[in-house]
Amino acid sequence: MILKSLPLLAAGILFTAPHEELRDMSIGDPLPAADVRMTDVSAKEMTLQQLAKENGLLVIFSCNTCPFVVGTDDSEGWEGRYPELGSHCRKNGIGMALVNSNEAKRDKGDGLADMQRHYRDKGYNHYYLLDQDHVVADAFGARTTPHVFLFDKDLKLVYKGAIDDNVESASAVKEHWLRDAIDAMLAGGTIEPNSTRNIGCSIKRVAHTH
């Protein structure tokens, strides 16, 4: 069972409360915020549209500070699976981008310089973009780190949710939801399930005043 013993649950870090103002994407929806410019760890500005490849685009909302991403003493966290996903996507003509939308933590570990260090330290092999004022996360209705969105060659959503069913240990995974979705998409088959429950820390948004 996913997260069966992760102590974060007791710490109240697990995201459960809905963002009522955020719209949920539906399978088949087009890529949102496609032309919003974001700063990559390379310091170049780019858009998700530019990062898409001939067979699609994988977008994962992530960060440097969430235990569901980076792990704990008792859990590997999910980011150790990013490099393999990046290689699989690149080999199969799929763009891959991590997006950091933690605007409220830019001075607490999720600023661009922090992202650049994290990228190097963790051996990332894909784009890692700073989403200023969580504009892109809001357009996606992204709620957690991580939160996965897979788009096909027409940039229509075909899978959303979690990477797999075990944040604690890659070797203990029984359901490789994202990897299976990618492979089914490439083969032109049915993606089942096409939606799973995203689990992680809430994206740290800031309140906007008007």
N, C-alpha and C. Protein backbone atom coordinates (compact mmCIF):
# COMPACT_ATOMS: atom_id res chain seq x y z
N MET A 1 0.85 -1.20 0.00
CA MET A 1 0.00 0.00 0.00
C MET A 1 0.88 1.24 0.00
N ILE A 2 0.51 2.23 -0.79
CA ILE A 2 1.33 3.43 -0.91
C ILE A 2 1.42 4.17 0.42
N LEU A 3 2.63 4.59 0.73
CA LEU A 3 2.86 5.40 1.92
C LEU A 3 2.43 4.70 3.21
N LYS A 4 2.55 3.39 3.22
CA LYS A 4 1.98 2.65 4.34
C LYS A 4 2.60 2.99 5.68
N SER A 5 3.86 3.46 5.68
CA SER A 5 4.49 3.72 6.97
C SER A 5 5.19 5.07 7.03
N LEU A 6 4.97 5.89 6.01
CA LEU A 6 5.70 7.15 5.96
C LEU A 6 5.32 8.04 7.13
N PRO A 7 6.27 8.43 7.95
CA PRO A 7 5.94 9.21 9.14
C PRO A 7 5.43 10.60 8.83
N LEU A 8 5.53 11.03 7.58
CA LEU A 8 5.04 12.36 7.22
C LEU A 8 3.55 12.50 7.49
N LEU A 9 2.84 11.39 7.40
CA LEU A 9 1.40 11.46 7.62
C LEU A 9 1.10 12.02 8.99
N ALA A 10 1.81 11.53 9.97
CA ALA A 10 1.59 11.99 11.34
C ALA A 10 2.02 13.45 11.50
N ALA A 11 2.97 13.87 10.67
CA ALA A 11 3.45 15.24 10.79
C ALA A 11 2.52 16.23 10.11
N GLY A 12 1.51 15.72 9.43
CA GLY A 12 0.55 16.61 8.80
C GLY A 12 1.05 17.25 7.52
N ILE A 13 2.09 16.67 6.92
CA ILE A 13 2.64 17.26 5.71
C ILE A 13 1.84 16.83 4.49
N LEU A 14 1.19 15.70 4.56
CA LEU A 14 0.45 15.19 3.42
C LEU A 14 -0.63 16.18 3.01
N PHE A 15 -0.68 16.46 1.72
CA PHE A 15 -1.68 17.38 1.20
C PHE A 15 -3.02 16.68 1.08
N THR A 16 -4.05 17.25 1.67
CA THR A 16 -5.38 16.66 1.52
C THR A 16 -6.43 17.71 1.19
N ALA A 17 -6.26 18.92 1.66
CA ALA A 17 -7.29 19.94 1.47
C ALA A 17 -7.35 20.40 0.01
N PRO A 18 -8.53 20.45 -0.58
CA PRO A 18 -8.64 20.87 -1.97
C PRO A 18 -8.46 22.37 -2.13
N HIS A 19 -7.91 22.77 -3.28
CA HIS A 19 -7.91 24.18 -3.65
C HIS A 19 -9.19 24.40 -4.45
N GLU A 20 -10.20 24.90 -3.80
CA GLU A 20 -11.50 24.99 -4.45
C GLU A 20 -11.45 25.87 -5.70
N GLU A 21 -10.51 26.83 -5.72
CA GLU A 21 -10.46 27.75 -6.85
C GLU A 21 -9.76 27.15 -8.06
N LEU A 22 -9.10 26.03 -7.87
CA LEU A 22 -8.35 25.42 -8.97
C LEU A 22 -9.24 24.46 -9.76
N ARG A 23 -9.13 24.56 -11.06
CA ARG A 23 -9.87 23.67 -11.94
C ARG A 23 -9.07 22.38 -12.13
N ASP A 24 -9.74 21.26 -12.08
CA ASP A 24 -9.09 19.99 -12.37
C ASP A 24 -9.04 19.77 -13.87
N MET A 25 -7.88 19.38 -14.39
CA MET A 25 -7.79 19.01 -15.79
C MET A 25 -8.48 17.67 -16.02
N SER A 26 -9.03 17.51 -17.20
CA SER A 26 -9.64 16.25 -17.59
C SER A 26 -8.81 15.59 -18.68
N ILE A 27 -8.85 14.26 -18.72
CA ILE A 27 -8.16 13.55 -19.79
C ILE A 27 -8.69 14.05 -21.13
N GLY A 28 -7.78 14.34 -22.05
CA GLY A 28 -8.14 14.89 -23.34
C GLY A 28 -7.99 16.39 -23.45
N ASP A 29 -7.80 17.07 -22.30
CA ASP A 29 -7.61 18.52 -22.33
C ASP A 29 -6.28 18.87 -23.00
N PRO A 30 -6.23 20.04 -23.67
CA PRO A 30 -4.97 20.48 -24.28
C PRO A 30 -3.98 21.00 -23.23
N LEU A 31 -2.70 21.01 -23.60
CA LEU A 31 -1.65 21.53 -22.72
C LEU A 31 -1.96 22.97 -22.32
N PRO A 32 -2.12 23.26 -21.02
CA PRO A 32 -2.39 24.63 -20.60
C PRO A 32 -1.10 25.42 -20.44
N ALA A 33 -1.22 26.73 -20.41
CA ALA A 33 -0.08 27.62 -20.16
C ALA A 33 1.10 27.28 -21.07
N ALA A 34 0.80 26.88 -22.29
CA ALA A 34 1.83 26.36 -23.19
C ALA A 34 2.88 27.40 -23.55
N ASP A 35 2.50 28.68 -23.54
CA ASP A 35 3.42 29.73 -23.98
C ASP A 35 3.94 30.60 -22.84
N VAL A 36 3.71 30.19 -21.60
CA VAL A 36 4.23 30.94 -20.45
C VAL A 36 5.74 30.70 -20.36
N ARG A 37 6.49 31.77 -20.32
CA ARG A 37 7.95 31.65 -20.26
C ARG A 37 8.38 31.40 -18.81
N MET A 38 9.23 30.39 -18.63
CA MET A 38 9.77 30.06 -17.32
C MET A 38 11.29 29.99 -17.42
N THR A 39 11.97 30.24 -16.29
CA THR A 39 13.43 30.19 -16.27
C THR A 39 13.89 28.79 -15.88
N ASP A 40 14.70 28.19 -16.74
CA ASP A 40 15.28 26.88 -16.50
C ASP A 40 16.52 27.03 -15.62
N VAL A 41 17.00 25.91 -15.06
CA VAL A 41 18.22 25.96 -14.27
C VAL A 41 19.44 26.38 -15.10
N SER A 42 19.32 26.30 -16.41
CA SER A 42 20.39 26.78 -17.30
C SER A 42 20.39 28.30 -17.40
N ALA A 43 19.39 28.95 -16.78
CA ALA A 43 19.16 30.40 -16.81
C ALA A 43 18.51 30.86 -18.10
N LYS A 44 18.18 29.93 -19.00
CA LYS A 44 17.46 30.28 -20.22
C LYS A 44 15.97 30.27 -19.97
N GLU A 45 15.27 31.15 -20.67
CA GLU A 45 13.81 31.17 -20.58
C GLU A 45 13.24 30.28 -21.66
N MET A 46 12.23 29.51 -21.31
CA MET A 46 11.61 28.62 -22.28
C MET A 46 10.17 28.34 -21.88
N THR A 47 9.42 27.79 -22.83
CA THR A 47 8.02 27.46 -22.61
C THR A 47 7.82 25.96 -22.72
N LEU A 48 6.72 25.48 -22.17
CA LEU A 48 6.41 24.06 -22.30
C LEU A 48 6.20 23.67 -23.76
N GLN A 49 5.61 24.56 -24.53
CA GLN A 49 5.43 24.28 -25.96
C GLN A 49 6.77 24.00 -26.63
N GLN A 50 7.79 24.76 -26.26
CA GLN A 50 9.10 24.57 -26.86
C GLN A 50 9.75 23.25 -26.43
N LEU A 51 9.38 22.76 -25.25
CA LEU A 51 10.01 21.55 -24.72
C LEU A 51 9.33 20.27 -25.21
N ALA A 52 8.13 20.39 -25.75
CA ALA A 52 7.45 19.21 -26.27
C ALA A 52 8.23 18.63 -27.45
N LYS A 53 8.21 17.30 -27.56
CA LYS A 53 8.87 16.63 -28.68
C LYS A 53 7.84 15.90 -29.53
N GLU A 54 8.31 15.17 -30.51
CA GLU A 54 7.39 14.62 -31.51
C GLU A 54 6.36 13.66 -30.93
N ASN A 55 6.68 13.01 -29.81
CA ASN A 55 5.74 12.05 -29.22
C ASN A 55 5.08 12.54 -27.95
N GLY A 56 5.32 13.79 -27.55
CA GLY A 56 4.59 14.31 -26.40
C GLY A 56 5.44 15.05 -25.39
N LEU A 57 4.89 15.20 -24.20
CA LEU A 57 5.53 15.99 -23.15
C LEU A 57 5.09 15.45 -21.79
N LEU A 58 6.08 15.27 -20.90
CA LEU A 58 5.81 14.91 -19.51
C LEU A 58 6.14 16.10 -18.63
N VAL A 59 5.17 16.53 -17.83
CA VAL A 59 5.36 17.64 -16.89
C VAL A 59 5.15 17.10 -15.48
N ILE A 60 6.15 17.32 -14.62
CA ILE A 60 6.03 16.92 -13.22
C ILE A 60 6.25 18.16 -12.35
N PHE A 61 5.26 18.53 -11.58
CA PHE A 61 5.43 19.61 -10.61
C PHE A 61 6.21 19.04 -9.43
N SER A 62 7.33 19.69 -9.10
CA SER A 62 8.26 19.15 -8.12
C SER A 62 8.89 20.30 -7.34
N CYS A 63 9.87 19.98 -6.51
CA CYS A 63 10.55 21.01 -5.73
C CYS A 63 11.80 20.41 -5.09
N ASN A 64 12.48 21.20 -4.27
CA ASN A 64 13.69 20.74 -3.58
C ASN A 64 13.44 20.37 -2.13
N THR A 65 12.24 20.65 -1.62
CA THR A 65 12.05 20.66 -0.17
C THR A 65 11.01 19.67 0.35
N CYS A 66 10.21 19.10 -0.50
CA CYS A 66 9.15 18.20 -0.05
C CYS A 66 9.69 16.80 0.22
N PRO A 67 9.43 16.22 1.38
CA PRO A 67 9.92 14.87 1.68
C PRO A 67 9.39 13.80 0.72
N PHE A 68 8.24 14.02 0.12
CA PHE A 68 7.72 13.05 -0.85
C PHE A 68 8.57 13.05 -2.12
N VAL A 69 9.26 14.16 -2.38
CA VAL A 69 10.18 14.25 -3.51
C VAL A 69 11.57 13.79 -3.10
N VAL A 70 12.11 14.41 -2.05
CA VAL A 70 13.54 14.22 -1.73
C VAL A 70 13.79 13.06 -0.77
N GLY A 71 12.73 12.56 -0.12
CA GLY A 71 12.90 11.43 0.77
C GLY A 71 13.14 11.83 2.22
N THR A 72 13.18 10.82 3.07
CA THR A 72 13.45 10.98 4.50
C THR A 72 14.36 9.81 4.91
N ASP A 73 14.62 9.70 6.19
CA ASP A 73 15.40 8.56 6.67
C ASP A 73 14.70 7.24 6.38
N ASP A 74 13.37 7.29 6.27
CA ASP A 74 12.58 6.07 6.09
C ASP A 74 12.02 5.89 4.69
N SER A 75 12.30 6.83 3.81
CA SER A 75 11.70 6.79 2.48
C SER A 75 12.66 7.34 1.43
N GLU A 76 12.74 6.66 0.28
CA GLU A 76 13.60 7.14 -0.79
C GLU A 76 13.10 8.46 -1.38
N GLY A 77 11.78 8.67 -1.40
CA GLY A 77 11.22 9.78 -2.15
C GLY A 77 11.19 9.44 -3.63
N TRP A 78 10.45 10.26 -4.39
CA TRP A 78 10.23 9.94 -5.79
C TRP A 78 11.31 10.48 -6.74
N GLU A 79 12.11 11.46 -6.32
CA GLU A 79 12.99 12.09 -7.29
C GLU A 79 14.10 11.17 -7.80
N GLY A 80 14.42 10.12 -7.06
CA GLY A 80 15.42 9.19 -7.54
C GLY A 80 15.00 8.48 -8.82
N ARG A 81 13.70 8.55 -9.14
CA ARG A 81 13.18 7.93 -10.36
C ARG A 81 13.15 8.91 -11.53
N TYR A 82 13.42 10.18 -11.27
CA TYR A 82 13.38 11.18 -12.34
C TYR A 82 14.41 10.91 -13.44
N PRO A 83 15.69 10.64 -13.11
CA PRO A 83 16.66 10.45 -14.19
C PRO A 83 16.31 9.30 -15.14
N GLU A 84 15.81 8.20 -14.60
CA GLU A 84 15.41 7.09 -15.47
C GLU A 84 14.23 7.49 -16.35
N LEU A 85 13.28 8.22 -15.78
CA LEU A 85 12.16 8.71 -16.57
C LEU A 85 12.65 9.65 -17.67
N GLY A 86 13.61 10.52 -17.31
CA GLY A 86 14.16 11.45 -18.28
C GLY A 86 14.82 10.73 -19.44
N SER A 87 15.57 9.70 -19.15
CA SER A 87 16.24 8.92 -20.20
C SER A 87 15.22 8.19 -21.07
N HIS A 88 14.19 7.61 -20.44
CA HIS A 88 13.16 6.90 -21.18
C HIS A 88 12.40 7.85 -22.10
N CYS A 89 12.09 9.03 -21.58
CA CYS A 89 11.38 10.02 -22.41
C CYS A 89 12.26 10.47 -23.58
N ARG A 90 13.50 10.79 -23.31
CA ARG A 90 14.39 11.27 -24.36
C ARG A 90 14.57 10.22 -25.46
N LYS A 91 14.72 8.98 -25.06
CA LYS A 91 14.91 7.88 -26.01
C LYS A 91 13.68 7.70 -26.90
N ASN A 92 12.52 8.09 -26.39
CA ASN A 92 11.26 7.85 -27.11
C ASN A 92 10.60 9.12 -27.64
N GLY A 93 11.37 10.20 -27.73
CA GLY A 93 10.85 11.41 -28.35
C GLY A 93 9.78 12.12 -27.55
N ILE A 94 9.92 12.09 -26.23
CA ILE A 94 8.98 12.79 -25.34
C ILE A 94 9.77 13.83 -24.55
N GLY A 95 9.32 15.06 -24.54
CA GLY A 95 9.95 16.07 -23.72
C GLY A 95 9.63 15.84 -22.25
N MET A 96 10.52 16.28 -21.36
CA MET A 96 10.25 16.14 -19.92
C MET A 96 10.69 17.41 -19.21
N ALA A 97 9.81 17.91 -18.37
CA ALA A 97 10.11 19.12 -17.61
C ALA A 97 9.61 18.98 -16.18
N LEU A 98 10.49 19.29 -15.23
CA LEU A 98 10.07 19.50 -13.85
C LEU A 98 9.75 20.97 -13.69
N VAL A 99 8.70 21.27 -12.95
CA VAL A 99 8.28 22.65 -12.72
C VAL A 99 8.20 22.90 -11.22
N ASN A 100 8.92 23.92 -10.76
CA ASN A 100 8.92 24.29 -9.34
C ASN A 100 8.04 25.52 -9.16
N SER A 101 6.89 25.31 -8.52
CA SER A 101 5.90 26.38 -8.35
C SER A 101 5.79 26.86 -6.91
N ASN A 102 6.75 26.49 -6.05
CA ASN A 102 6.69 26.83 -4.63
C ASN A 102 7.06 28.29 -4.38
N GLU A 103 6.21 29.18 -4.82
CA GLU A 103 6.52 30.61 -4.74
C GLU A 103 6.74 31.07 -3.31
N ALA A 104 6.03 30.49 -2.36
CA ALA A 104 6.15 30.91 -0.96
C ALA A 104 7.44 30.40 -0.31
N LYS A 105 8.22 29.59 -1.03
CA LYS A 105 9.46 29.06 -0.45
C LYS A 105 10.69 29.43 -1.29
N ARG A 106 10.60 30.51 -2.05
CA ARG A 106 11.74 30.89 -2.88
C ARG A 106 12.97 31.23 -2.04
N ASP A 107 12.75 31.74 -0.84
CA ASP A 107 13.90 32.06 0.03
C ASP A 107 14.10 30.98 1.10
N LYS A 108 13.45 29.84 0.91
CA LYS A 108 13.55 28.75 1.89
C LYS A 108 13.86 27.42 1.21
N GLY A 109 14.70 27.49 0.18
CA GLY A 109 15.15 26.25 -0.47
C GLY A 109 14.63 25.99 -1.85
N ASP A 110 13.70 26.83 -2.34
CA ASP A 110 13.14 26.61 -3.66
C ASP A 110 13.36 27.79 -4.61
N GLY A 111 14.42 28.55 -4.39
CA GLY A 111 14.79 29.60 -5.33
C GLY A 111 15.59 29.02 -6.50
N LEU A 112 15.88 29.85 -7.49
CA LEU A 112 16.57 29.36 -8.68
C LEU A 112 17.96 28.81 -8.36
N ALA A 113 18.71 29.51 -7.50
CA ALA A 113 20.04 29.00 -7.14
C ALA A 113 19.95 27.66 -6.43
N ASP A 114 18.93 27.50 -5.58
CA ASP A 114 18.70 26.21 -4.91
C ASP A 114 18.38 25.13 -5.93
N MET A 115 17.56 25.48 -6.91
CA MET A 115 17.20 24.53 -7.96
C MET A 115 18.42 24.11 -8.77
N GLN A 116 19.28 25.07 -9.06
CA GLN A 116 20.50 24.76 -9.82
C GLN A 116 21.40 23.79 -9.06
N ARG A 117 21.56 24.02 -7.76
CA ARG A 117 22.37 23.11 -6.94
C ARG A 117 21.72 21.73 -6.87
N HIS A 118 20.42 21.72 -6.68
CA HIS A 118 19.70 20.45 -6.56
C HIS A 118 19.81 19.65 -7.86
N TYR A 119 19.69 20.33 -8.97
CA TYR A 119 19.80 19.71 -10.28
C TYR A 119 21.15 18.99 -10.43
N ARG A 120 22.21 19.69 -10.03
CA ARG A 120 23.55 19.10 -10.13
C ARG A 120 23.72 17.95 -9.13
N ASP A 121 23.30 18.18 -7.89
CA ASP A 121 23.53 17.20 -6.83
C ASP A 121 22.79 15.89 -7.08
N LYS A 122 21.61 15.98 -7.68
CA LYS A 122 20.75 14.80 -7.84
C LYS A 122 20.87 14.16 -9.22
N GLY A 123 21.72 14.69 -10.08
CA GLY A 123 21.94 14.07 -11.37
C GLY A 123 20.74 14.14 -12.30
N TYR A 124 19.96 15.22 -12.19
CA TYR A 124 18.82 15.40 -13.10
C TYR A 124 19.32 15.47 -14.54
N ASN A 125 18.50 15.00 -15.47
CA ASN A 125 18.89 15.03 -16.88
C ASN A 125 17.76 15.54 -17.77
N HIS A 126 17.03 16.51 -17.24
CA HIS A 126 15.88 17.06 -17.94
C HIS A 126 15.75 18.52 -17.52
N TYR A 127 14.81 19.23 -18.07
CA TYR A 127 14.63 20.63 -17.72
C TYR A 127 14.02 20.76 -16.33
N TYR A 128 14.39 21.83 -15.64
CA TYR A 128 13.86 22.13 -14.31
C TYR A 128 13.57 23.62 -14.29
N LEU A 129 12.29 23.97 -14.26
CA LEU A 129 11.84 25.33 -14.53
C LEU A 129 11.21 25.99 -13.31
N LEU A 130 11.47 27.28 -13.15
CA LEU A 130 10.88 28.06 -12.07
C LEU A 130 9.60 28.71 -12.58
N ASP A 131 8.50 28.35 -11.96
CA ASP A 131 7.17 28.86 -12.31
C ASP A 131 6.86 30.06 -11.42
N GLN A 132 7.13 31.25 -11.93
CA GLN A 132 6.95 32.46 -11.12
C GLN A 132 5.49 32.71 -10.83
N ASP A 133 5.19 32.96 -9.55
CA ASP A 133 3.82 33.20 -9.08
C ASP A 133 2.88 32.03 -9.36
N HIS A 134 3.45 30.82 -9.50
CA HIS A 134 2.71 29.57 -9.73
C HIS A 134 1.64 29.70 -10.81
N VAL A 135 1.93 30.49 -11.83
CA VAL A 135 0.99 30.71 -12.93
C VAL A 135 0.70 29.39 -13.66
N VAL A 136 1.76 28.63 -13.93
CA VAL A 136 1.59 27.39 -14.67
C VAL A 136 0.88 26.34 -13.81
N ALA A 137 1.27 26.25 -12.55
CA ALA A 137 0.61 25.30 -11.65
C ALA A 137 -0.88 25.61 -11.54
N ASP A 138 -1.22 26.89 -11.49
CA ASP A 138 -2.63 27.26 -11.41
C ASP A 138 -3.39 26.85 -12.67
N ALA A 139 -2.75 27.03 -13.82
CA ALA A 139 -3.39 26.67 -15.09
C ALA A 139 -3.63 25.16 -15.18
N PHE A 140 -2.70 24.38 -14.63
CA PHE A 140 -2.83 22.93 -14.64
C PHE A 140 -3.79 22.44 -13.55
N GLY A 141 -4.01 23.25 -12.52
CA GLY A 141 -4.70 22.75 -11.34
C GLY A 141 -3.80 21.83 -10.54
N ALA A 142 -2.49 22.03 -10.66
CA ALA A 142 -1.52 21.20 -9.93
C ALA A 142 -1.60 21.51 -8.45
N ARG A 143 -1.56 20.47 -7.62
CA ARG A 143 -1.77 20.65 -6.20
C ARG A 143 -0.62 20.17 -5.32
N THR A 144 0.15 19.21 -5.80
CA THR A 144 1.14 18.58 -4.93
C THR A 144 2.50 18.47 -5.61
N THR A 145 3.50 18.22 -4.77
CA THR A 145 4.81 17.83 -5.27
C THR A 145 5.08 16.41 -4.77
N PRO A 146 5.15 15.45 -5.71
CA PRO A 146 4.99 15.64 -7.15
C PRO A 146 3.52 15.57 -7.59
N HIS A 147 3.28 16.07 -8.81
CA HIS A 147 1.99 15.92 -9.50
C HIS A 147 2.33 15.79 -10.98
N VAL A 148 1.91 14.69 -11.57
CA VAL A 148 2.34 14.29 -12.91
C VAL A 148 1.26 14.56 -13.96
N PHE A 149 1.68 15.06 -15.13
CA PHE A 149 0.79 15.27 -16.26
C PHE A 149 1.51 14.82 -17.53
N LEU A 150 0.94 13.85 -18.25
CA LEU A 150 1.53 13.33 -19.48
C LEU A 150 0.65 13.71 -20.67
N PHE A 151 1.28 14.30 -21.69
CA PHE A 151 0.58 14.73 -22.89
C PHE A 151 1.09 13.96 -24.10
N ASP A 152 0.19 13.66 -25.04
CA ASP A 152 0.57 12.90 -26.22
C ASP A 152 1.12 13.81 -27.32
N LYS A 153 1.32 13.26 -28.49
CA LYS A 153 1.94 14.02 -29.60
C LYS A 153 1.10 15.20 -30.02
N ASP A 154 -0.19 15.16 -29.76
CA ASP A 154 -1.08 16.30 -30.05
C ASP A 154 -1.21 17.25 -28.86
N LEU A 155 -0.40 16.98 -27.83
CA LEU A 155 -0.40 17.77 -26.59
C LEU A 155 -1.77 17.78 -25.92
N LYS A 156 -2.38 16.60 -25.91
CA LYS A 156 -3.61 16.37 -25.17
C LYS A 156 -3.27 15.48 -23.96
N LEU A 157 -3.90 15.78 -22.82
CA LEU A 157 -3.61 15.05 -21.58
C LEU A 157 -4.08 13.60 -21.69
N VAL A 158 -3.16 12.66 -21.40
CA VAL A 158 -3.52 11.24 -21.45
C VAL A 158 -3.35 10.54 -20.10
N TYR A 159 -2.59 11.16 -19.18
CA TYR A 159 -2.43 10.58 -17.85
C TYR A 159 -2.13 11.69 -16.85
N LYS A 160 -2.68 11.55 -15.64
CA LYS A 160 -2.36 12.49 -14.57
C LYS A 160 -2.39 11.76 -13.24
N GLY A 161 -1.58 12.26 -12.29
CA GLY A 161 -1.60 11.69 -10.94
C GLY A 161 -0.24 11.43 -10.38
N ALA A 162 0.02 10.17 -9.99
CA ALA A 162 1.24 9.78 -9.30
C ALA A 162 2.20 9.05 -10.25
N ILE A 163 3.46 8.97 -9.85
CA ILE A 163 4.47 8.26 -10.63
C ILE A 163 4.27 6.75 -10.51
N ASP A 164 4.11 6.28 -9.30
CA ASP A 164 3.90 4.85 -9.04
C ASP A 164 3.27 4.71 -7.66
N ASP A 165 3.22 3.47 -7.17
CA ASP A 165 2.45 3.23 -5.94
C ASP A 165 3.31 3.10 -4.68
N ASN A 166 4.60 3.50 -4.76
CA ASN A 166 5.42 3.36 -3.55
C ASN A 166 6.49 4.43 -3.49
N VAL A 167 6.25 5.46 -2.71
CA VAL A 167 7.22 6.54 -2.55
C VAL A 167 8.44 6.09 -1.75
N GLU A 168 8.25 5.06 -0.93
CA GLU A 168 9.31 4.66 0.00
C GLU A 168 10.46 3.93 -0.69
N SER A 169 10.15 3.11 -1.70
CA SER A 169 11.17 2.26 -2.28
C SER A 169 10.84 1.93 -3.72
N ALA A 170 11.75 2.28 -4.63
CA ALA A 170 11.55 1.96 -6.05
C ALA A 170 11.48 0.46 -6.27
N SER A 171 12.24 -0.27 -5.50
CA SER A 171 12.29 -1.72 -5.68
C SER A 171 11.01 -2.41 -5.21
N ALA A 172 10.21 -1.70 -4.42
CA ALA A 172 8.97 -2.29 -3.90
C ALA A 172 7.74 -1.88 -4.70
N VAL A 173 7.93 -1.13 -5.78
CA VAL A 173 6.80 -0.67 -6.59
C VAL A 173 6.10 -1.86 -7.24
N LYS A 174 4.78 -1.87 -7.14
CA LYS A 174 3.98 -2.90 -7.81
C LYS A 174 3.22 -2.33 -9.01
N GLU A 175 2.89 -1.04 -8.96
CA GLU A 175 2.14 -0.40 -10.04
C GLU A 175 2.96 0.76 -10.60
N HIS A 176 3.51 0.57 -11.79
CA HIS A 176 4.32 1.61 -12.44
C HIS A 176 3.41 2.46 -13.33
N TRP A 177 2.55 3.24 -12.70
CA TRP A 177 1.49 3.93 -13.44
C TRP A 177 2.03 4.82 -14.55
N LEU A 178 2.98 5.69 -14.24
CA LEU A 178 3.46 6.63 -15.24
C LEU A 178 4.23 5.91 -16.34
N ARG A 179 5.14 5.03 -15.97
CA ARG A 179 5.91 4.30 -16.99
C ARG A 179 4.97 3.49 -17.89
N ASP A 180 3.97 2.86 -17.31
CA ASP A 180 3.02 2.09 -18.12
C ASP A 180 2.21 3.01 -19.03
N ALA A 181 1.87 4.19 -18.53
CA ALA A 181 1.11 5.15 -19.34
C ALA A 181 1.95 5.61 -20.54
N ILE A 182 3.22 5.88 -20.29
CA ILE A 182 4.12 6.30 -21.38
C ILE A 182 4.19 5.20 -22.44
N ASP A 183 4.40 3.97 -21.99
CA ASP A 183 4.56 2.87 -22.94
C ASP A 183 3.28 2.60 -23.71
N ALA A 184 2.13 2.68 -23.03
CA ALA A 184 0.85 2.49 -23.71
C ALA A 184 0.60 3.61 -24.73
N MET A 185 0.94 4.83 -24.35
CA MET A 185 0.79 5.97 -25.27
C MET A 185 1.63 5.77 -26.52
N LEU A 186 2.87 5.35 -26.34
CA LEU A 186 3.76 5.15 -27.47
C LEU A 186 3.27 4.03 -28.38
N ALA A 187 2.64 3.03 -27.77
CA ALA A 187 2.15 1.88 -28.54
C ALA A 187 0.77 2.12 -29.14
N GLY A 188 0.17 3.26 -28.80
CA GLY A 188 -1.17 3.54 -29.30
C GLY A 188 -2.24 2.74 -28.61
N GLY A 189 -1.92 2.26 -27.41
CA GLY A 189 -2.89 1.45 -26.67
C GLY A 189 -3.69 2.25 -25.68
N THR A 190 -4.53 1.56 -24.93
CA THR A 190 -5.36 2.20 -23.91
C THR A 190 -4.56 2.37 -22.62
N ILE A 191 -4.62 3.56 -22.05
CA ILE A 191 -3.94 3.82 -20.78
C ILE A 191 -4.92 3.54 -19.65
N GLU A 192 -4.59 2.56 -18.82
CA GLU A 192 -5.48 2.16 -17.73
C GLU A 192 -4.64 1.85 -16.49
N PRO A 193 -4.80 2.62 -15.43
CA PRO A 193 -5.69 3.78 -15.32
C PRO A 193 -5.07 5.02 -15.96
N ASN A 194 -5.91 5.95 -16.37
CA ASN A 194 -5.40 7.20 -16.91
C ASN A 194 -5.36 8.31 -15.87
N SER A 195 -5.83 8.01 -14.67
CA SER A 195 -5.77 8.96 -13.56
C SER A 195 -5.54 8.19 -12.27
N THR A 196 -4.62 8.71 -11.45
CA THR A 196 -4.40 8.14 -10.13
C THR A 196 -4.33 9.29 -9.13
N ARG A 197 -4.37 8.95 -7.86
CA ARG A 197 -4.35 9.99 -6.83
C ARG A 197 -2.94 10.55 -6.66
N ASN A 198 -2.81 11.84 -6.88
CA ASN A 198 -1.53 12.50 -6.62
C ASN A 198 -1.36 12.69 -5.11
N ILE A 199 -0.20 12.30 -4.61
CA ILE A 199 0.07 12.37 -3.17
C ILE A 199 1.39 13.09 -2.97
N GLY A 200 1.43 14.01 -2.02
CA GLY A 200 2.65 14.74 -1.74
C GLY A 200 2.38 15.95 -0.88
N CYS A 201 3.36 16.85 -0.83
CA CYS A 201 3.19 18.11 -0.12
C CYS A 201 2.41 19.08 -1.00
N SER A 202 1.66 19.96 -0.38
CA SER A 202 0.95 20.97 -1.16
C SER A 202 1.94 21.92 -1.82
N ILE A 203 1.63 22.35 -3.04
CA ILE A 203 2.41 23.41 -3.67
C ILE A 203 2.24 24.66 -2.83
N LYS A 204 3.36 25.32 -2.52
CA LYS A 204 3.34 26.44 -1.59
C LYS A 204 3.07 27.74 -2.34
N ARG A 205 1.79 28.03 -2.46
CA ARG A 205 1.35 29.23 -3.16
C ARG A 205 1.39 30.46 -2.26
N VAL A 206 1.33 31.64 -2.89
CA VAL A 206 1.22 32.89 -2.14
C VAL A 206 -0.15 33.49 -2.44
N ALA A 207 -0.66 34.23 -1.48
CA ALA A 207 -1.94 34.89 -1.68
C ALA A 207 -1.74 36.12 -2.55
N HIS A 208 -2.60 36.27 -3.53
CA HIS A 208 -2.53 37.43 -4.41
C HIS A 208 -3.52 38.49 -3.93
N THR A 209 -3.06 39.72 -3.88
CA THR A 209 -3.94 40.83 -3.53
C THR A 209 -4.31 41.57 -4.79
N HIS A 210 -5.52 42.00 -4.84
CA HIS A 210 -6.02 42.70 -6.05
C HIS A 210 -6.41 44.12 -5.70
